[in-house]
Every structure is written in structure tokens, then in C-alpha cells.
């Protein structure tokens, strides 16, 4: 049951990040879920490095979405260079 909850939270975070990031985004539901989960880990690591307490509630969600947006921006930079003539 815990993994289902993590998947749903990852999907929500990934969907919000995709909504807030302009441009074409990768994949479907599974990729969105993975972007949300990895973005959450990235956001928590950045918050921890900056001594920001994002352990629960709205602050955790915001930090997670910011991490997912960072992942999407990196994706756009890499794909943009790869598709350039």
C-alpha cells in the first residue's frame, strides 16, 4: 500500500511540475510519476543543503515540485541541444 501511495504522490508532483514548465515534456503517466519521485528527492537534497526544513506539509510539496521542475528544465536543455542542427 505504501508504494501505491508513493506512486500517486509522485504522479501529482510530476503533473504539477509539467503544468508549470513550458514546452513539450517527456513520456506519459509512468514518466510523470518518475519525474515527481526523483524531483522530490532532488528538492529535499537541495533544501537540506540550504538548511530549509521541508519535512512535512506544504513546504515539502513545494520543494518537491521545484525539484521536479529542475529535472524538466535539465531535460529541455539536453533535448534542445540534441535536436539542434
N, C-alpha and C. Protein backbone atom coordinates (compact mmCIF):
# COMPACT_ATOMS: atom_id res chain seq x y z
N UNK A 1 0.82 -1.19 0.00
CA UNK A 1 0.00 0.00 0.00
C UNK A 1 0.87 1.26 0.00
N UNK A 2 2.01 1.18 0.67
CA UNK A 2 2.91 2.32 0.75
C UNK A 2 3.41 2.71 -0.65
N UNK A 3 3.71 1.74 -1.48
CA UNK A 3 4.22 2.01 -2.82
C UNK A 3 3.15 2.64 -3.71
N UNK A 4 1.92 2.25 -3.52
CA UNK A 4 0.83 2.87 -4.28
C UNK A 4 0.70 4.34 -3.89
N UNK A 5 0.81 4.62 -2.60
CA UNK A 5 0.74 6.00 -2.13
C UNK A 5 1.90 6.82 -2.70
N UNK A 6 3.11 6.27 -2.69
CA UNK A 6 4.26 6.96 -3.26
C UNK A 6 4.06 7.23 -4.75
N UNK A 7 3.50 6.26 -5.47
CA UNK A 7 3.26 6.44 -6.90
C UNK A 7 2.26 7.56 -7.15
N UNK A 8 1.20 7.61 -6.37
CA UNK A 8 0.20 8.67 -6.54
C UNK A 8 0.76 10.04 -6.21
N UNK A 9 1.55 10.13 -5.15
CA UNK A 9 2.18 11.41 -4.79
C UNK A 9 3.16 11.83 -5.89
N UNK A 10 3.96 10.89 -6.40
CA UNK A 10 4.88 11.18 -7.49
C UNK A 10 4.16 11.66 -8.73
N UNK A 11 3.03 11.04 -9.03
CA UNK A 11 2.24 11.44 -10.18
C UNK A 11 1.72 12.86 -10.01
N UNK A 12 1.24 13.19 -8.82
CA UNK A 12 0.73 14.54 -8.57
C UNK A 12 1.84 15.59 -8.68
N UNK A 13 3.00 15.31 -8.11
CA UNK A 13 4.11 16.25 -8.16
C UNK A 13 4.59 16.41 -9.60
N UNK A 14 4.73 15.31 -10.32
CA UNK A 14 5.15 15.37 -11.72
C UNK A 14 4.16 16.13 -12.59
N UNK A 15 2.88 15.93 -12.35
CA UNK A 15 1.85 16.62 -13.14
C UNK A 15 1.89 18.12 -12.89
N UNK A 16 2.04 18.53 -11.64
CA UNK A 16 2.13 19.97 -11.33
C UNK A 16 3.38 20.56 -11.97
N UNK A 17 4.50 19.86 -11.89
CA UNK A 17 5.74 20.36 -12.49
C UNK A 17 5.60 20.47 -14.01
N UNK A 18 4.98 19.49 -14.66
CA UNK A 18 4.77 19.56 -16.10
C UNK A 18 3.85 20.70 -16.47
N UNK A 19 2.85 20.97 -15.65
CA UNK A 19 1.92 22.07 -15.90
C UNK A 19 2.64 23.42 -15.81
N UNK A 20 3.57 23.55 -14.87
CA UNK A 20 4.26 24.81 -14.65
C UNK A 20 5.46 25.03 -15.56
N UNK A 21 5.92 24.00 -16.25
CA UNK A 21 7.09 24.10 -17.11
C UNK A 21 6.64 24.21 -18.56
N UNK A 22 7.06 25.28 -19.28
CA UNK A 22 6.66 25.41 -20.68
C UNK A 22 7.40 24.43 -21.58
N UNK A 23 6.80 24.13 -22.71
CA UNK A 23 7.44 23.25 -23.69
C UNK A 23 6.91 21.84 -23.62
N UNK A 24 7.37 21.02 -24.58
CA UNK A 24 6.97 19.61 -24.62
C UNK A 24 7.71 18.85 -23.53
N UNK A 25 6.99 17.98 -22.88
CA UNK A 25 7.57 17.20 -21.79
C UNK A 25 7.59 15.72 -22.16
N UNK A 26 8.50 14.97 -21.55
CA UNK A 26 8.66 13.57 -21.91
C UNK A 26 7.54 12.68 -21.39
N UNK A 27 7.27 11.62 -22.13
CA UNK A 27 6.52 10.48 -21.66
C UNK A 27 5.09 10.68 -21.23
N UNK A 28 4.57 9.61 -20.68
CA UNK A 28 3.20 9.59 -20.22
C UNK A 28 3.13 9.52 -18.71
N UNK A 29 2.24 8.69 -18.25
CA UNK A 29 1.93 8.60 -16.83
C UNK A 29 3.11 8.08 -16.00
N UNK A 30 3.77 7.05 -16.47
CA UNK A 30 4.88 6.46 -15.72
C UNK A 30 6.06 7.42 -15.64
N UNK A 31 6.38 8.09 -16.74
CA UNK A 31 7.48 9.05 -16.74
C UNK A 31 7.15 10.23 -15.84
N UNK A 32 5.91 10.69 -15.86
CA UNK A 32 5.49 11.77 -14.98
C UNK A 32 5.66 11.37 -13.52
N UNK A 33 5.31 10.14 -13.20
CA UNK A 33 5.46 9.62 -11.84
C UNK A 33 6.93 9.59 -11.43
N UNK A 34 7.79 9.11 -12.32
CA UNK A 34 9.22 9.06 -12.02
C UNK A 34 9.82 10.45 -11.87
N UNK A 35 9.40 11.39 -12.70
CA UNK A 35 9.88 12.76 -12.57
C UNK A 35 9.46 13.33 -11.22
N UNK A 36 8.25 13.04 -10.79
CA UNK A 36 7.78 13.51 -9.48
C UNK A 36 8.56 12.90 -8.33
N UNK A 37 8.82 11.60 -8.40
CA UNK A 37 9.56 10.93 -7.32
C UNK A 37 11.02 11.39 -7.26
N UNK A 38 11.69 11.42 -8.40
CA UNK A 38 13.09 11.86 -8.41
C UNK A 38 13.19 13.35 -8.09
N UNK A 39 12.24 14.12 -8.57
CA UNK A 39 12.20 15.55 -8.24
C UNK A 39 12.03 15.80 -6.75
N UNK A 40 11.25 14.96 -6.11
CA UNK A 40 11.07 15.07 -4.67
C UNK A 40 12.38 14.82 -3.93
N UNK A 41 13.12 13.82 -4.38
CA UNK A 41 14.42 13.52 -3.76
C UNK A 41 15.40 14.66 -4.01
N UNK A 42 15.43 15.17 -5.25
CA UNK A 42 16.32 16.28 -5.59
C UNK A 42 15.96 17.53 -4.79
N UNK A 43 14.69 17.84 -4.71
CA UNK A 43 14.26 19.01 -3.95
C UNK A 43 14.59 18.90 -2.47
N UNK A 44 14.44 17.72 -1.91
CA UNK A 44 14.77 17.51 -0.50
C UNK A 44 16.27 17.68 -0.27
N UNK A 45 17.08 17.19 -1.21
CA UNK A 45 18.53 17.33 -1.07
C UNK A 45 18.95 18.80 -1.15
N UNK A 46 18.34 19.55 -2.06
CA UNK A 46 18.65 20.97 -2.18
C UNK A 46 18.21 21.72 -0.92
N UNK A 47 17.01 21.41 -0.42
CA UNK A 47 16.52 22.07 0.79
C UNK A 47 17.41 21.75 1.98
N UNK A 48 17.85 20.51 2.08
CA UNK A 48 18.73 20.12 3.18
C UNK A 48 20.07 20.86 3.09
N UNK A 49 20.61 21.01 1.87
CA UNK A 49 21.88 21.73 1.69
C UNK A 49 21.74 23.20 2.05
N UNK A 50 20.53 23.75 1.89
CA UNK A 50 20.30 25.16 2.21
C UNK A 50 19.74 25.37 3.62
N UNK A 51 19.71 24.29 4.41
CA UNK A 51 19.18 24.32 5.78
C UNK A 51 17.72 24.79 5.85
N UNK A 52 16.93 24.34 4.90
CA UNK A 52 15.50 24.64 4.88
C UNK A 52 14.77 23.40 5.38
N UNK A 53 13.88 23.59 6.36
CA UNK A 53 13.12 22.46 6.88
C UNK A 53 11.89 22.23 5.99
N UNK A 54 11.95 21.19 5.19
CA UNK A 54 10.85 20.84 4.30
C UNK A 54 10.42 19.41 4.59
N UNK A 55 10.25 19.10 5.84
CA UNK A 55 9.99 17.73 6.23
C UNK A 55 8.52 17.32 6.14
N UNK A 56 7.62 18.28 6.08
CA UNK A 56 6.21 17.90 6.01
C UNK A 56 5.37 19.04 5.46
N UNK A 57 4.15 18.70 5.11
CA UNK A 57 3.16 19.69 4.72
C UNK A 57 3.42 20.36 3.39
N UNK A 58 2.97 21.59 3.32
CA UNK A 58 3.05 22.35 2.09
C UNK A 58 4.49 22.63 1.67
N UNK A 59 5.37 22.85 2.63
CA UNK A 59 6.77 23.13 2.28
C UNK A 59 7.40 21.93 1.57
N UNK A 60 7.07 20.72 1.99
CA UNK A 60 7.58 19.52 1.33
C UNK A 60 7.07 19.44 -0.10
N UNK A 61 5.80 19.71 -0.31
CA UNK A 61 5.22 19.65 -1.64
C UNK A 61 5.86 20.68 -2.57
N UNK A 62 6.04 21.90 -2.08
CA UNK A 62 6.65 22.96 -2.88
C UNK A 62 8.09 22.61 -3.25
N UNK A 63 8.85 22.12 -2.28
CA UNK A 63 10.24 21.72 -2.55
C UNK A 63 10.28 20.57 -3.55
N UNK A 64 9.36 19.65 -3.46
CA UNK A 64 9.30 18.52 -4.39
C UNK A 64 8.99 18.98 -5.81
N UNK A 65 8.04 19.89 -5.94
CA UNK A 65 7.69 20.41 -7.26
C UNK A 65 8.87 21.19 -7.85
N UNK A 66 9.56 21.97 -7.03
CA UNK A 66 10.73 22.71 -7.52
C UNK A 66 11.80 21.73 -8.02
N UNK A 67 12.02 20.65 -7.30
CA UNK A 67 12.97 19.63 -7.75
C UNK A 67 12.56 19.02 -9.08
N UNK A 68 11.28 18.74 -9.24
CA UNK A 68 10.79 18.17 -10.50
C UNK A 68 10.91 19.17 -11.64
N UNK A 69 10.68 20.44 -11.37
CA UNK A 69 10.84 21.47 -12.40
C UNK A 69 12.30 21.56 -12.82
N UNK A 70 13.21 21.46 -11.86
CA UNK A 70 14.64 21.48 -12.20
C UNK A 70 14.97 20.31 -13.13
N UNK A 71 14.43 19.14 -12.84
CA UNK A 71 14.65 17.99 -13.72
C UNK A 71 14.11 18.24 -15.13
N UNK A 72 12.94 18.83 -15.22
CA UNK A 72 12.36 19.10 -16.53
C UNK A 72 13.15 20.15 -17.30
N UNK A 73 13.67 21.16 -16.61
CA UNK A 73 14.48 22.18 -17.28
C UNK A 73 15.77 21.55 -17.80
N UNK A 74 16.39 20.69 -17.01
CA UNK A 74 17.59 19.99 -17.48
C UNK A 74 17.25 19.13 -18.69
N UNK A 75 16.12 18.45 -18.66
CA UNK A 75 15.68 17.65 -19.80
C UNK A 75 15.55 18.51 -21.05
N UNK A 76 14.90 19.69 -20.91
CA UNK A 76 14.72 20.57 -22.06
C UNK A 76 16.07 21.07 -22.60
N UNK A 77 17.01 21.34 -21.73
CA UNK A 77 18.33 21.79 -22.18
C UNK A 77 19.05 20.68 -22.94
N UNK A 78 18.99 19.46 -22.43
CA UNK A 78 19.67 18.34 -23.09
C UNK A 78 19.01 18.01 -24.43
N UNK A 79 17.71 17.92 -24.45
CA UNK A 79 16.99 17.58 -25.68
C UNK A 79 17.10 18.71 -26.70
N UNK A 80 17.09 19.95 -26.23
CA UNK A 80 17.23 21.08 -27.14
C UNK A 80 18.57 21.07 -27.86
N UNK A 81 19.63 20.72 -27.16
CA UNK A 81 20.95 20.63 -27.79
C UNK A 81 21.04 19.45 -28.74
N UNK A 82 20.39 18.36 -28.38
CA UNK A 82 20.47 17.15 -29.20
C UNK A 82 19.71 17.34 -30.52
N UNK A 83 18.62 18.11 -30.50
CA UNK A 83 17.82 18.31 -31.71
C UNK A 83 18.28 19.51 -32.53
N UNK A 84 19.25 20.28 -32.06
CA UNK A 84 19.73 21.44 -32.80
C UNK A 84 20.56 20.99 -34.01
N UNK A 85 20.44 21.75 -35.12
CA UNK A 85 21.19 21.35 -36.33
C UNK A 85 22.67 21.58 -36.23
